[in-house]
Amino acid sequence: MSEPRLSKAADEFVLHLPTDFSIDEMHSAVERELTYRLRVYPRWVDEKRMTPAFAHRQIETFRALLAVLQQMREHGDLFREGVEAPKASRAPSGGREA
């Protein structure tokens, strides 16, 4: 599989993520991983293998991934078509970007 790449056209960036996996396959894989983490993280926190804050952050990250993939299911396979990145906001003149 080739590396993700950015192309620039008309001052907008488009992210191309080559993949042989469907959105449904990716959604299922992330869902399985989230289910696994929900099962094992409480024990790992109890065993001090990770902090509660780190466990929470990881769980929320996977929930966010599921939400993105669900939106992609509803609006088409954007991986194959290219995902337009939002335009960067510009800092006011004389200011610094955040």
Protein backbone atom coordinates (compact mmCIF):
# COMPACT_ATOMS: atom_id res chain seq x y z
CA MET A 1 0.00 0.00 0.00
CA SER A 2 1.37 3.43 -0.85
CA GLU A 3 1.80 6.20 1.70
CA PRO A 4 -0.93 8.80 2.37
CA ARG A 5 -0.23 11.97 0.46
CA LEU A 6 -1.44 15.53 0.27
CA SER A 7 -2.05 17.24 -3.03
CA LYS A 8 -2.64 20.94 -3.40
CA ALA A 9 -5.05 22.30 -5.97
CA ALA A 10 -6.57 25.77 -6.01
CA ASP A 11 -5.30 26.57 -2.49
CA GLU A 12 -7.07 23.58 -0.94
CA PHE A 13 -5.43 20.41 0.29
CA VAL A 14 -6.90 17.02 -0.51
CA LEU A 15 -5.82 14.00 1.52
CA HIS A 16 -5.53 10.76 -0.45
CA LEU A 17 -5.49 7.61 1.68
CA PRO A 18 -5.03 4.57 -0.50
CA THR A 19 -6.63 1.52 1.03
CA ASP A 20 -8.08 -1.81 0.02
CA PHE A 21 -10.48 -1.84 2.98
CA SER A 22 -14.09 -0.73 2.80
CA ILE A 23 -15.56 1.72 5.28
CA ASP A 24 -17.66 -1.15 6.69
CA GLU A 25 -14.53 -3.26 7.28
CA MET A 26 -12.75 -0.38 8.99
CA HIS A 27 -15.82 0.43 11.09
CA SER A 28 -16.09 -3.20 12.22
CA ALA A 29 -12.39 -3.36 13.11
CA VAL A 30 -12.55 -0.17 15.18
CA GLU A 31 -15.75 -1.37 16.85
CA ARG A 32 -14.10 -4.69 17.81
CA GLU A 33 -11.05 -2.86 19.17
CA LEU A 34 -13.23 -0.51 21.20
CA THR A 35 -15.15 -3.47 22.65
CA TYR A 36 -11.85 -5.12 23.60
CA ARG A 37 -10.51 -1.97 25.24
CA LEU A 38 -13.74 -1.44 27.18
CA ARG A 39 -13.32 -4.96 28.53
CA VAL A 40 -9.60 -4.88 29.44
CA TYR A 41 -8.87 -1.27 30.40
CA PRO A 42 -10.62 -1.41 33.79
CA ARG A 43 -8.41 -4.32 34.79
CA TRP A 44 -5.30 -2.59 33.43
CA VAL A 45 -6.15 0.54 35.42
CA ASP A 46 -6.62 -1.60 38.55
CA GLU A 47 -3.24 -3.22 37.89
CA LYS A 48 -1.67 0.25 37.44
CA ARG A 49 -0.69 -0.61 33.85
CA MET A 50 -2.27 2.67 32.75
CA THR A 51 -3.83 5.70 34.34
CA PRO A 52 -7.59 6.25 34.36
CA ALA A 53 -7.06 9.45 32.35
CA PHE A 54 -5.11 7.63 29.64
CA ALA A 55 -7.69 4.84 29.46
CA HIS A 56 -10.51 7.39 29.16
CA ARG A 57 -8.66 9.30 26.43
CA GLN A 58 -8.07 6.11 24.43
CA ILE A 59 -11.71 5.04 24.72
CA GLU A 60 -12.93 8.46 23.61
CA THR A 61 -10.49 8.41 20.67
CA PHE A 62 -11.95 5.12 19.45
CA ARG A 63 -15.48 6.46 19.91
CA ALA A 64 -14.52 9.47 17.79
CA LEU A 65 -13.09 7.16 15.11
CA LEU A 66 -16.36 5.24 15.04
CA ALA A 67 -18.29 8.49 14.63
CA VAL A 68 -16.07 9.55 11.71
CA LEU A 69 -16.43 6.17 10.03
CA GLN A 70 -20.20 6.27 10.54
CA GLN A 71 -20.33 9.67 8.84
CA MET A 72 -18.26 8.26 6.01
CA ARG A 73 -20.73 5.37 5.68
CA GLU A 74 -23.56 7.87 5.34
CA HIS A 75 -21.80 10.27 2.96
CA GLY A 76 -19.72 7.97 0.77
CA ASP A 77 -16.28 6.44 0.76
CA LEU A 78 -14.18 9.56 1.07
CA PHE A 79 -10.92 7.59 1.29
CA ARG A 80 -11.21 6.67 -2.35
CA GLU A 81 -12.41 10.09 -3.48
CA GLY A 82 -10.06 12.22 -1.36
CA VAL A 83 -10.88 14.06 1.83
CA GLU A 84 -10.72 17.82 1.67
CA ALA A 85 -8.90 19.25 4.65
CA PRO A 86 -10.35 22.45 6.10
CA LYS A 87 -8.61 25.64 5.06
CA ALA A 88 -6.24 26.93 7.70
CA SER A 89 -7.48 30.02 9.45
CA ARG A 90 -5.17 32.96 9.18
CA ALA A 91 -3.97 34.93 12.18
CA PRO A 92 -4.79 38.66 12.19
CA SER A 93 -1.98 40.70 10.68
CA GLY A 94 0.83 41.17 13.15
CA GLY A 95 -0.48 38.27 15.24
CA ARG A 96 0.63 34.72 15.63
CA GLU A 97 -1.34 31.67 14.62
CA ALA A 98 -2.66 29.63 17.49
